């Protein structure tokens, strides 16, 4: 698949609901064509045998430790609830 010879920046701007001046349209036209040429360069690379990755560097367990910390008591959490029962928030039924 080859790169398009020209990108219709006006059409792309219309899809994105952007109003561009003529100068912006010319500038973005060149920039988008450069991006497409670069993508074509990348597509020509031989990536056989290279495992796909989600990150450039290995990432593991990037979440914080699950440690107990002080929090609100049930009474404090329910203090401003308009309706409560049995220590729970009462909300209107939304599913029949």
Protein backbone atom coordinates (compact mmCIF):
# COMPACT_ATOMS: atom_id res chain seq x y z
CA UNK A 1 0.00 0.00 0.00
CA UNK A 2 1.53 3.34 -1.01
CA UNK A 3 1.14 6.71 0.62
CA UNK A 4 -1.51 9.02 -0.77
CA UNK A 5 -0.05 11.65 -3.08
CA UNK A 6 -2.00 14.38 -1.30
CA UNK A 7 -3.92 14.66 1.94
CA UNK A 8 -7.05 16.80 1.87
CA UNK A 9 -6.37 18.89 4.96
CA UNK A 10 -9.66 20.76 4.53
CA UNK A 11 -11.57 17.48 4.68
CA UNK A 12 -9.61 16.28 7.73
CA UNK A 13 -10.24 19.63 9.45
CA UNK A 14 -13.95 19.35 8.65
CA UNK A 15 -14.07 15.86 10.20
CA UNK A 16 -12.33 17.21 13.31
CA UNK A 17 -14.68 20.23 13.32
CA UNK A 18 -11.75 22.65 13.01
CA UNK A 19 -11.84 25.96 11.17
CA UNK A 20 -8.43 26.57 9.59
CA UNK A 21 -7.09 29.64 7.86
CA UNK A 22 -5.47 29.25 4.43
CA UNK A 23 -2.03 29.65 6.03
CA UNK A 24 -2.80 26.93 8.60
CA UNK A 25 -4.12 24.64 5.85
CA UNK A 26 -0.87 25.04 3.85
CA UNK A 27 1.29 24.49 6.95
CA UNK A 28 -0.65 21.41 8.08
CA UNK A 29 -0.66 20.04 4.52
CA UNK A 30 3.14 19.92 4.56
CA UNK A 31 3.29 18.54 8.08
CA UNK A 32 0.82 15.73 7.37
CA UNK A 33 2.66 14.77 4.19
CA UNK A 34 5.93 14.58 6.20
CA UNK A 35 4.22 12.34 8.75
CA UNK A 36 2.92 10.02 6.03
CA UNK A 37 6.40 9.83 4.41
CA UNK A 38 7.89 8.93 7.80
CA UNK A 39 5.27 6.24 8.37
CA UNK A 40 6.11 4.80 4.95
CA UNK A 41 9.78 4.67 5.98
CA UNK A 42 8.85 2.78 9.15
CA UNK A 43 6.64 0.36 7.17
CA UNK A 44 9.67 -0.64 5.06
CA UNK A 45 11.62 -1.82 8.12
CA UNK A 46 12.12 -5.56 8.54
CA UNK A 47 10.54 -6.35 11.90
CA UNK A 48 10.35 -10.11 11.45
CA UNK A 49 11.26 -11.79 14.71
CA UNK A 50 10.73 -8.68 16.83
CA UNK A 51 8.17 -9.27 19.53
CA UNK A 52 5.45 -6.58 19.77
CA UNK A 53 5.54 -4.52 22.96
CA UNK A 54 3.28 -2.03 24.68
CA UNK A 55 6.20 -0.07 26.20
CA UNK A 56 9.71 0.72 25.03
CA UNK A 57 11.12 -0.53 28.33
CA UNK A 58 9.96 -3.40 30.52
CA UNK A 59 7.32 -2.37 33.03
CA UNK A 60 6.15 -4.52 35.91
CA UNK A 61 3.91 -3.88 38.88
CA UNK A 62 3.72 -0.12 38.47
CA UNK A 63 0.95 0.12 41.05
CA UNK A 64 1.45 1.19 44.63
CA UNK A 65 1.48 -1.27 47.51
CA UNK A 66 -1.96 -2.10 48.85
CA UNK A 67 -1.56 -0.86 52.39
CA UNK A 68 -4.23 -0.08 54.97
CA UNK A 69 -4.58 3.61 55.77
CA UNK A 70 -6.92 5.69 57.90
CA UNK A 71 -10.26 6.44 56.20
CA UNK A 72 -13.76 7.63 56.99
CA UNK A 73 -15.93 5.72 59.40
CA UNK A 74 -19.30 4.50 58.11
CA UNK A 75 -21.05 7.28 60.02
CA UNK A 76 -18.78 9.96 58.52
CA UNK A 77 -19.24 8.56 55.00
CA UNK A 78 -23.03 8.48 55.36
CA UNK A 79 -23.33 11.82 57.18
CA UNK A 80 -24.61 13.73 54.12
CA UNK A 81 -26.49 10.88 52.46
CA UNK A 82 -30.06 11.98 51.67
CA UNK A 83 -31.35 8.45 52.32
CA UNK A 84 -29.61 5.58 54.08
CA UNK A 85 -30.58 2.24 55.54
CA UNK A 86 -28.64 -0.48 57.36
CA UNK A 87 -25.39 1.48 56.99
CA UNK A 88 -25.75 1.81 53.21
CA UNK A 89 -26.52 4.59 50.72
CA UNK A 90 -30.03 4.23 49.32
CA UNK A 91 -30.40 5.23 45.66
CA UNK A 92 -33.33 5.18 43.24
CA UNK A 93 -33.89 1.97 41.30
CA UNK A 94 -32.48 2.34 37.78
CA UNK A 95 -33.07 -1.17 36.37
CA UNK A 96 -36.52 -2.68 35.98
